[in-house]
Amino acid sequence: MSGLTPDEAPGFAAPGDAEAALLRRRAARLAERRNGSEQVDEIELLTFKVGAERFALPVSALRGVVAVDRHTRVPGAAPELLGVIYVRGEIVPLVDLGHIVGSPLRASGPGQALLCRAPSQLALGVDEILGIVHQPSRELRPAELGVASSLVEALLPDNTALLRLDALLAVPALLSSAPR
């Protein structure tokens, strides 16, 4: 430094002032914790229905939701693959999420599709979007053993099943249908 004292140098405070400011910030943070306003670890989830069951996926795993007015069937495709849909200039495989989780979709087919983020550009057919919830992670509880237990990461307080997208995308029939 060029021989300027902290009081003369622009943008610098005397050591006593910096320490006092640091202590004030620390005291304010400690007071916030005592008042119960400490930050809660939450995850943002999209909740939806497939058949009679309620499910959720992290919003961060999805790139959007689209209405499914129609889809094109693919001859000889696995039962998990309903067909393909055209979304924003792309042909995207439409997966029957009900078939995978054991809760059949309505007879009329999916009303909406959840678009997964890369690397697997898939659309997961669902019956109804329920909404977005901000769920404190401490309120999640372990999934019960069942048919789709390998696909369920946890249960929300209202028994909505939080799905493991990585496990869904690893279903063998879907691996061959996802574009590379």
Protein backbone atom coordinates (compact mmCIF):
# COMPACT_ATOMS: atom_id res chain seq x y z
CA MET A 1 0.00 0.00 0.00
CA SER A 2 1.19 3.53 -0.64
CA GLY A 3 1.57 4.92 2.87
CA LEU A 4 -2.07 6.03 3.26
CA THR A 5 -3.67 5.31 6.58
CA PRO A 6 -6.98 3.40 6.58
CA ASP A 7 -8.79 6.67 7.33
CA GLU A 8 -7.29 8.35 4.25
CA ALA A 9 -7.66 5.46 1.78
CA PRO A 10 -10.90 5.52 -0.20
CA GLY A 11 -13.26 2.63 0.54
CA PHE A 12 -11.53 1.52 3.73
CA ALA A 13 -12.78 1.88 7.29
CA ALA A 14 -10.68 2.08 10.39
CA PRO A 15 -10.12 -1.36 11.98
CA GLY A 16 -12.36 -0.50 14.91
CA ASP A 17 -15.29 0.35 12.63
CA ALA A 18 -14.95 -2.89 10.62
CA GLU A 19 -14.91 -4.99 13.78
CA ALA A 20 -17.93 -3.15 15.17
CA ALA A 21 -19.86 -3.70 11.91
CA LEU A 22 -18.93 -7.40 11.92
CA LEU A 23 -20.12 -7.78 15.52
CA ARG A 24 -23.41 -5.99 14.72
CA ARG A 25 -24.06 -8.38 11.78
CA ARG A 26 -23.25 -11.40 13.94
CA ALA A 27 -25.56 -10.21 16.72
CA ALA A 28 -28.38 -9.67 14.20
CA ARG A 29 -27.97 -13.22 12.80
CA LEU A 30 -27.99 -14.72 16.30
CA ALA A 31 -31.12 -12.74 17.19
CA GLU A 32 -32.88 -14.02 14.04
CA ARG A 33 -32.15 -17.65 15.00
CA ARG A 34 -33.63 -17.15 18.46
CA ASN A 35 -36.76 -15.66 16.92
CA GLY A 36 -37.26 -18.85 14.88
CA SER A 37 -36.63 -17.23 11.52
CA GLU A 38 -33.71 -19.43 10.53
CA GLN A 39 -33.81 -20.64 6.96
CA VAL A 40 -35.74 -23.86 6.38
CA ASP A 41 -34.43 -26.38 3.84
CA GLU A 42 -37.30 -26.62 1.34
CA ILE A 43 -37.72 -28.31 -1.99
CA GLU A 44 -40.04 -27.05 -4.69
CA LEU A 45 -42.26 -29.86 -5.97
CA LEU A 46 -44.81 -30.18 -8.74
CA THR A 47 -47.71 -32.33 -7.55
CA PHE A 48 -49.95 -34.25 -9.94
CA LYS A 49 -52.39 -37.16 -10.20
CA VAL A 50 -52.02 -40.39 -12.11
CA GLY A 51 -55.21 -42.42 -11.79
CA ALA A 52 -56.33 -42.14 -8.17
CA GLU A 53 -52.79 -41.60 -6.81
CA ARG A 54 -50.96 -38.35 -5.99
CA PHE A 55 -47.31 -37.94 -6.94
CA ALA A 56 -44.65 -35.23 -6.94
CA LEU A 57 -41.39 -34.47 -8.74
CA PRO A 58 -38.86 -31.73 -8.05
CA VAL A 59 -39.54 -28.72 -10.27
CA SER A 60 -35.81 -28.57 -11.00
CA ALA A 61 -36.06 -31.95 -12.81
CA LEU A 62 -38.68 -30.65 -15.24
CA ARG A 63 -38.52 -28.24 -18.15
CA GLY A 64 -42.25 -27.67 -18.46
CA VAL A 65 -45.79 -28.96 -18.63
CA VAL A 66 -47.83 -29.28 -21.81
CA ALA A 67 -51.43 -30.21 -22.58
CA VAL A 68 -51.76 -33.46 -24.49
CA ASP A 69 -54.50 -33.00 -27.06
CA ARG A 70 -53.34 -35.94 -29.13
CA HIS A 71 -50.37 -38.21 -29.57
CA THR A 72 -49.15 -40.51 -32.31
CA ARG A 73 -48.86 -44.18 -31.45
CA VAL A 74 -45.68 -46.02 -32.36
CA PRO A 75 -46.31 -49.51 -33.79
CA GLY A 76 -44.62 -52.27 -31.80
CA ALA A 77 -43.62 -49.93 -28.94
CA ALA A 78 -43.35 -51.13 -25.36
CA PRO A 79 -46.57 -50.76 -23.32
CA GLU A 80 -44.92 -47.99 -21.27
CA LEU A 81 -44.62 -45.85 -24.40
CA LEU A 82 -47.95 -44.28 -25.40
CA GLY A 83 -46.43 -42.74 -28.51
CA VAL A 84 -44.87 -39.40 -29.40
CA ILE A 85 -45.97 -35.79 -29.16
CA TYR A 86 -44.78 -32.70 -30.97
CA VAL A 87 -43.52 -30.05 -28.54
CA ARG A 88 -41.89 -26.78 -29.60
CA GLY A 89 -40.41 -28.22 -32.77
CA GLU A 90 -39.32 -31.52 -31.20
CA ILE A 91 -40.74 -35.02 -31.36
CA VAL A 92 -40.80 -36.26 -27.76
CA PRO A 93 -41.62 -39.80 -26.54
CA LEU A 94 -44.78 -39.81 -24.38
CA VAL A 95 -44.53 -42.26 -21.49
CA ASP A 96 -47.50 -43.81 -19.70
CA LEU A 97 -46.50 -42.95 -16.14
CA GLY A 98 -49.54 -44.85 -14.85
CA HIS A 99 -48.24 -48.09 -16.37
CA ILE A 100 -44.88 -47.63 -14.63
CA VAL A 101 -46.23 -46.75 -11.17
CA GLY A 102 -49.15 -49.18 -11.26
CA SER A 103 -51.92 -46.56 -11.24
CA PRO A 104 -53.62 -46.57 -14.66
CA LEU A 105 -54.27 -43.30 -16.46
CA ARG A 106 -57.83 -42.38 -17.39
CA ALA A 107 -59.23 -44.34 -20.34
CA SER A 108 -59.13 -41.17 -22.45
CA GLY A 109 -55.34 -40.97 -22.00
CA PRO A 110 -53.17 -38.38 -20.32
CA GLY A 111 -54.48 -34.84 -20.12
CA GLN A 112 -51.05 -33.34 -19.58
CA ALA A 113 -47.40 -34.27 -19.84
CA LEU A 114 -44.40 -33.35 -17.72
CA LEU A 115 -41.37 -32.59 -19.86
CA CYS A 116 -38.20 -33.96 -18.27
CA ARG A 117 -34.91 -32.08 -18.45
CA ALA A 118 -31.96 -33.42 -20.40
CA PRO A 119 -30.31 -35.88 -20.78
CA SER A 120 -33.59 -37.78 -21.28
CA GLN A 121 -36.06 -35.74 -23.29
CA LEU A 122 -39.23 -37.59 -22.31
CA ALA A 123 -42.79 -36.52 -21.61
CA LEU A 124 -44.46 -38.25 -18.67
CA GLY A 125 -48.21 -38.56 -19.19
CA VAL A 126 -50.30 -37.56 -16.16
CA ASP A 127 -54.02 -37.07 -15.58
CA GLU A 128 -54.02 -33.77 -13.70
CA ILE A 129 -51.58 -31.14 -12.42
CA LEU A 130 -52.39 -30.26 -8.80
CA GLY A 131 -49.88 -27.47 -8.26
CA ILE A 132 -46.51 -26.48 -6.87
CA VAL A 133 -45.69 -26.92 -3.18
CA HIS A 134 -42.70 -25.79 -1.17
CA GLN A 135 -42.04 -28.76 1.08
CA PRO A 136 -39.70 -28.57 4.09
CA SER A 137 -37.40 -31.57 3.61
CA ARG A 138 -37.55 -32.39 7.33
CA GLU A 139 -41.27 -33.23 6.91
CA LEU A 140 -40.63 -35.94 4.31
CA ARG A 141 -40.80 -39.50 5.58
CA PRO A 142 -39.44 -42.76 4.20
CA ALA A 143 -41.53 -44.55 1.61
CA GLU A 144 -43.34 -47.72 2.56
CA LEU A 145 -42.47 -50.95 0.82
CA GLY A 146 -44.73 -51.67 -2.11
CA VAL A 147 -44.93 -52.36 -5.82
CA ALA A 148 -43.37 -49.06 -6.87
CA SER A 149 -41.17 -48.60 -3.81
CA SER A 150 -37.97 -48.42 -5.87
CA LEU A 151 -39.51 -45.45 -7.71
CA VAL A 152 -40.60 -43.58 -4.56
CA GLU A 153 -38.01 -41.49 -2.74
CA ALA A 154 -40.21 -40.32 0.14
CA LEU A 155 -43.75 -39.44 1.20
CA LEU A 156 -45.06 -35.94 1.83
CA PRO A 157 -47.20 -35.34 4.95
CA ASP A 158 -50.41 -35.82 2.88
CA ASN A 159 -49.09 -39.20 1.56
CA THR A 160 -48.20 -37.80 -1.87
CA ALA A 161 -45.37 -39.96 -3.22
CA LEU A 162 -42.20 -38.10 -4.19
CA LEU A 163 -40.90 -40.00 -7.23
CA ARG A 164 -37.26 -40.66 -8.07
CA LEU A 165 -36.91 -39.38 -11.63
CA ASP A 166 -33.62 -41.21 -12.11
CA ALA A 167 -35.36 -44.51 -11.29
CA LEU A 168 -38.24 -43.71 -13.66
CA LEU A 169 -35.85 -42.95 -16.48
CA ALA A 170 -33.98 -46.21 -15.83
CA VAL A 171 -37.02 -48.38 -16.68
CA PRO A 172 -35.60 -50.65 -19.44
CA ALA A 173 -38.40 -49.97 -21.93
CA LEU A 174 -37.75 -46.22 -21.63
CA LEU A 175 -34.01 -46.42 -22.13
CA SER A 176 -34.48 -47.54 -25.72
CA SER A 177 -37.14 -44.89 -26.46
CA ALA A 178 -35.23 -41.83 -25.20
CA PRO A 179 -33.47 -39.86 -27.93
CA ARG A 180 -29.71 -39.61 -27.53
